[in-house]
């Protein structure tokens, strides 16, 4: 079966968006998924955990909401940066005392 189709979680709800807009919304979705996966591992890093929740809340709000391409680019970049800060916070919070 060569014609297998994969359901795209963004295109299901926004089938007519441009490829550029889809790319930014997909970046936001991926950031949300990464943050969601990190939370169970951050039991000893509450600050990093809160940053991941911030990514999840932001991404969930923007992923399917009406927005300009420029706004989506800024949100995607903010989510990426918050994930980097969460990684740094985790390292600092779990340093041996």
N, C-alpha and C. Protein backbone atom coordinates (compact mmCIF):
# COMPACT_ATOMS: atom_id res chain seq x y z
N UNK A 1 0.84 -1.18 0.00
CA UNK A 1 0.00 0.00 0.00
C UNK A 1 0.89 1.24 0.00
N UNK A 2 1.13 1.80 -1.16
CA UNK A 2 2.03 2.93 -1.29
C UNK A 2 1.39 4.25 -0.93
N UNK A 3 0.08 4.31 -0.95
CA UNK A 3 -0.61 5.59 -0.74
C UNK A 3 -1.12 5.72 0.70
N UNK A 4 -0.28 5.39 1.66
CA UNK A 4 -0.68 5.55 3.06
C UNK A 4 -0.58 7.02 3.42
N UNK A 5 -1.60 7.52 4.07
CA UNK A 5 -1.62 8.93 4.46
C UNK A 5 -1.51 9.03 5.97
N UNK A 6 -0.72 9.98 6.38
CA UNK A 6 -0.54 10.23 7.80
C UNK A 6 -1.41 11.42 8.16
N UNK A 7 -2.15 11.29 9.24
CA UNK A 7 -2.98 12.41 9.69
C UNK A 7 -2.09 13.49 10.28
N UNK A 8 -2.24 14.69 9.80
CA UNK A 8 -1.47 15.83 10.28
C UNK A 8 -2.34 16.58 11.29
N UNK A 9 -1.92 16.68 12.55
CA UNK A 9 -2.76 17.30 13.57
C UNK A 9 -3.06 18.77 13.32
N UNK A 10 -2.26 19.44 12.54
CA UNK A 10 -2.54 20.84 12.22
C UNK A 10 -3.47 20.93 11.01
N UNK A 11 -3.18 20.18 9.98
CA UNK A 11 -3.99 20.25 8.74
C UNK A 11 -5.41 19.70 8.94
N UNK A 12 -5.60 18.85 9.93
CA UNK A 12 -6.96 18.35 10.19
C UNK A 12 -7.89 19.52 10.50
N UNK A 13 -7.41 20.46 11.32
CA UNK A 13 -8.25 21.57 11.75
C UNK A 13 -8.09 22.81 10.87
N UNK A 14 -6.95 22.94 10.19
CA UNK A 14 -6.69 24.10 9.35
C UNK A 14 -6.21 23.64 7.97
N UNK A 15 -7.09 23.04 7.19
CA UNK A 15 -6.65 22.42 5.93
C UNK A 15 -6.21 23.39 4.85
N UNK A 16 -6.57 24.66 4.95
CA UNK A 16 -6.29 25.59 3.85
C UNK A 16 -5.11 26.52 4.12
N UNK A 17 -4.37 26.33 5.20
CA UNK A 17 -3.26 27.24 5.50
C UNK A 17 -2.09 27.00 4.54
N UNK A 18 -1.26 28.03 4.42
CA UNK A 18 -0.09 27.92 3.54
C UNK A 18 0.96 27.00 4.16
N UNK A 19 1.89 26.57 3.35
CA UNK A 19 2.98 25.72 3.86
C UNK A 19 3.83 26.46 4.88
N UNK A 20 4.06 27.76 4.68
CA UNK A 20 4.85 28.54 5.63
C UNK A 20 4.15 28.63 6.98
N UNK A 21 2.85 28.85 6.96
CA UNK A 21 2.10 28.90 8.21
C UNK A 21 2.07 27.53 8.88
N UNK A 22 1.91 26.49 8.08
CA UNK A 22 1.91 25.14 8.63
C UNK A 22 3.23 24.83 9.32
N UNK A 23 4.33 25.25 8.71
CA UNK A 23 5.65 25.00 9.30
C UNK A 23 5.76 25.62 10.69
N UNK A 24 5.30 26.85 10.85
CA UNK A 24 5.39 27.52 12.15
C UNK A 24 4.45 26.86 13.17
N UNK A 25 3.25 26.52 12.75
CA UNK A 25 2.32 25.85 13.66
C UNK A 25 2.85 24.47 14.06
N UNK A 26 3.52 23.81 13.14
CA UNK A 26 4.11 22.51 13.45
C UNK A 26 5.27 22.66 14.43
N UNK A 27 6.07 23.71 14.27
CA UNK A 27 7.15 23.98 15.24
C UNK A 27 6.56 24.18 16.64
N UNK A 28 5.45 24.90 16.73
CA UNK A 28 4.79 25.13 18.01
C UNK A 28 4.29 23.80 18.58
N UNK A 29 3.68 22.98 17.74
CA UNK A 29 3.18 21.67 18.18
C UNK A 29 4.31 20.79 18.68
N UNK A 30 5.41 20.77 17.97
CA UNK A 30 6.56 19.95 18.37
C UNK A 30 7.12 20.43 19.71
N UNK A 31 7.20 21.74 19.90
CA UNK A 31 7.68 22.28 21.18
C UNK A 31 6.77 21.82 22.32
N UNK A 32 5.46 21.85 22.07
CA UNK A 32 4.51 21.39 23.08
C UNK A 32 4.73 19.92 23.40
N UNK A 33 4.96 19.10 22.38
CA UNK A 33 5.19 17.68 22.60
C UNK A 33 6.48 17.43 23.38
N UNK A 34 7.52 18.17 23.06
CA UNK A 34 8.79 18.02 23.78
C UNK A 34 8.61 18.39 25.25
N UNK A 35 7.95 19.51 25.50
CA UNK A 35 7.73 19.94 26.89
C UNK A 35 6.89 18.92 27.64
N UNK A 36 5.88 18.37 26.99
CA UNK A 36 5.04 17.36 27.62
C UNK A 36 5.85 16.12 27.98
N UNK A 37 6.75 15.72 27.11
CA UNK A 37 7.58 14.54 27.38
C UNK A 37 8.59 14.79 28.49
N UNK A 38 9.04 16.03 28.65
CA UNK A 38 10.06 16.34 29.65
C UNK A 38 9.49 16.40 31.08
N UNK A 39 8.24 16.78 31.23
CA UNK A 39 7.68 17.02 32.56
C UNK A 39 7.84 15.83 33.52
N UNK A 40 7.54 14.60 33.13
CA UNK A 40 7.70 13.48 34.08
C UNK A 40 9.15 13.28 34.55
N UNK A 41 10.11 13.74 33.77
CA UNK A 41 11.52 13.57 34.12
C UNK A 41 12.03 14.67 35.05
N UNK A 42 11.22 15.67 35.33
CA UNK A 42 11.69 16.85 36.05
C UNK A 42 11.19 16.91 37.49
N UNK A 43 11.12 15.78 38.15
CA UNK A 43 10.64 15.75 39.53
C UNK A 43 11.53 16.54 40.48
N UNK A 44 12.84 16.58 40.20
CA UNK A 44 13.79 17.27 41.07
C UNK A 44 14.14 18.67 40.56
N UNK A 45 13.40 19.16 39.59
CA UNK A 45 13.69 20.48 39.02
C UNK A 45 12.38 21.25 38.81
N UNK A 46 11.81 21.78 39.90
CA UNK A 46 10.50 22.44 39.78
C UNK A 46 10.51 23.67 38.88
N UNK A 47 11.61 24.41 38.83
CA UNK A 47 11.68 25.57 37.95
C UNK A 47 11.63 25.17 36.49
N UNK A 48 12.38 24.14 36.15
CA UNK A 48 12.37 23.62 34.77
C UNK A 48 11.00 23.07 34.42
N UNK A 49 10.37 22.44 35.39
CA UNK A 49 9.03 21.89 35.19
C UNK A 49 8.03 23.01 34.88
N UNK A 50 8.12 24.11 35.62
CA UNK A 50 7.22 25.24 35.39
C UNK A 50 7.45 25.86 34.00
N UNK A 51 8.70 25.92 33.58
CA UNK A 51 9.00 26.44 32.24
C UNK A 51 8.37 25.54 31.16
N UNK A 52 8.42 24.25 31.38
CA UNK A 52 7.78 23.33 30.42
C UNK A 52 6.27 23.53 30.39
N UNK A 53 5.67 23.75 31.55
CA UNK A 53 4.24 24.03 31.58
C UNK A 53 3.93 25.32 30.84
N UNK A 54 4.81 26.30 30.95
CA UNK A 54 4.62 27.56 30.22
C UNK A 54 4.65 27.32 28.71
N UNK A 55 5.56 26.48 28.26
CA UNK A 55 5.61 26.12 26.83
C UNK A 55 4.31 25.44 26.42
N UNK A 56 3.86 24.51 27.22
CA UNK A 56 2.63 23.77 26.89
C UNK A 56 1.44 24.72 26.81
N UNK A 57 1.30 25.60 27.80
CA UNK A 57 0.18 26.54 27.80
C UNK A 57 0.23 27.48 26.60
N UNK A 58 1.42 28.01 26.32
CA UNK A 58 1.58 28.93 25.19
C UNK A 58 1.30 28.22 23.87
N UNK A 59 1.90 27.06 23.69
CA UNK A 59 1.74 26.32 22.44
C UNK A 59 0.29 25.90 22.22
N UNK A 60 -0.36 25.45 23.27
CA UNK A 60 -1.75 25.02 23.14
C UNK A 60 -2.63 26.19 22.71
N UNK A 61 -2.37 27.36 23.26
CA UNK A 61 -3.16 28.54 22.92
C UNK A 61 -2.95 28.97 21.47
N UNK A 62 -1.72 28.90 20.98
CA UNK A 62 -1.40 29.45 19.67
C UNK A 62 -1.45 28.44 18.52
N UNK A 63 -1.38 27.17 18.80
CA UNK A 63 -1.22 26.18 17.75
C UNK A 63 -2.32 26.24 16.69
N UNK A 64 -3.55 26.44 17.09
CA UNK A 64 -4.67 26.44 16.14
C UNK A 64 -5.43 27.76 16.09
N UNK A 65 -4.97 28.76 16.85
CA UNK A 65 -5.66 30.05 16.89
C UNK A 65 -5.33 30.89 15.66
N UNK A 66 -6.24 31.74 15.25
CA UNK A 66 -5.94 32.65 14.14
C UNK A 66 -4.76 33.55 14.51
N UNK A 67 -3.80 33.67 13.60
CA UNK A 67 -2.63 34.51 13.86
C UNK A 67 -1.90 34.78 12.55
N UNK A 68 -1.14 35.86 12.55
CA UNK A 68 -0.31 36.17 11.39
C UNK A 68 0.90 35.25 11.38
N UNK A 69 1.52 35.13 10.23
CA UNK A 69 2.72 34.31 10.11
C UNK A 69 3.82 34.86 11.02
N UNK A 70 3.95 36.17 11.09
CA UNK A 70 4.97 36.79 11.94
C UNK A 70 4.75 36.45 13.41
N UNK A 71 3.51 36.49 13.85
CA UNK A 71 3.21 36.15 15.25
C UNK A 71 3.53 34.69 15.52
N UNK A 72 3.19 33.82 14.60
CA UNK A 72 3.48 32.39 14.77
C UNK A 72 4.99 32.14 14.83
N UNK A 73 5.75 32.86 14.00
CA UNK A 73 7.21 32.73 14.04
C UNK A 73 7.75 33.14 15.40
N UNK A 74 7.22 34.24 15.95
CA UNK A 74 7.68 34.70 17.27
C UNK A 74 7.32 33.70 18.36
N UNK A 75 6.12 33.16 18.31
CA UNK A 75 5.70 32.18 19.31
C UNK A 75 6.53 30.91 19.21
N UNK A 76 6.77 30.44 18.00
CA UNK A 76 7.59 29.23 17.82
C UNK A 76 8.99 29.45 18.38
N UNK A 77 9.55 30.61 18.13
CA UNK A 77 10.89 30.92 18.64
C UNK A 77 10.87 31.06 20.17
N UNK A 78 9.83 31.66 20.71
CA UNK A 78 9.72 31.77 22.17
C UNK A 78 9.65 30.38 22.80
N UNK A 79 8.87 29.49 22.23
CA UNK A 79 8.77 28.13 22.76
C UNK A 79 10.13 27.43 22.71
N UNK A 80 10.84 27.59 21.60
CA UNK A 80 12.17 26.98 21.47
C UNK A 80 13.11 27.51 22.54
N UNK A 81 13.10 28.81 22.75
CA UNK A 81 13.98 29.41 23.76
C UNK A 81 13.61 28.98 25.17
N UNK A 82 12.31 28.89 25.44
CA UNK A 82 11.89 28.43 26.77
C UNK A 82 12.34 27.00 27.03
N UNK A 83 12.34 26.16 26.01
CA UNK A 83 12.83 24.79 26.18
C UNK A 83 14.33 24.78 26.49
N UNK A 84 15.08 25.68 25.86
CA UNK A 84 16.51 25.78 26.16
C UNK A 84 16.72 26.24 27.60
N UNK A 85 15.94 27.23 28.02
CA UNK A 85 16.04 27.71 29.40
C UNK A 85 15.63 26.61 30.38
N UNK A 86 14.62 25.83 30.03
CA UNK A 86 14.21 24.72 30.90
C UNK A 86 15.33 23.70 31.05
N UNK A 87 16.04 23.41 29.97
CA UNK A 87 17.18 22.49 30.05
C UNK A 87 18.27 23.05 30.97
N UNK A 88 18.55 24.34 30.84
CA UNK A 88 19.55 24.97 31.70
C UNK A 88 19.10 24.98 33.15
N UNK A 89 17.83 25.29 33.38
CA UNK A 89 17.30 25.29 34.74
C UNK A 89 17.39 23.90 35.36
N UNK A 90 17.10 22.88 34.57
CA UNK A 90 17.21 21.51 35.08
C UNK A 90 18.65 21.20 35.50
N UNK A 91 19.61 21.60 34.68
CA UNK A 91 21.02 21.36 35.04
C UNK A 91 21.38 22.07 36.34
N UNK A 92 20.95 23.32 36.47
CA UNK A 92 21.29 24.08 37.68
C UNK A 92 20.58 23.54 38.92
N UNK A 93 19.33 23.13 38.75
CA UNK A 93 18.56 22.64 39.89
C UNK A 93 19.00 21.26 40.36
N UNK A 94 19.66 20.53 39.52
CA UNK A 94 20.06 19.17 39.90
C UNK A 94 21.57 19.05 40.14
N UNK A 95 22.25 20.18 40.24
CA UNK A 95 23.68 20.15 40.58
C UNK A 95 23.87 19.57 41.97
N UNK A 96 24.92 18.80 42.18
CA UNK A 96 25.19 18.31 43.53
C UNK A 96 25.47 19.49 44.46
N UNK A 97 24.97 19.41 45.65
CA UNK A 97 25.14 20.51 46.63
C UNK A 97 26.48 20.44 47.31
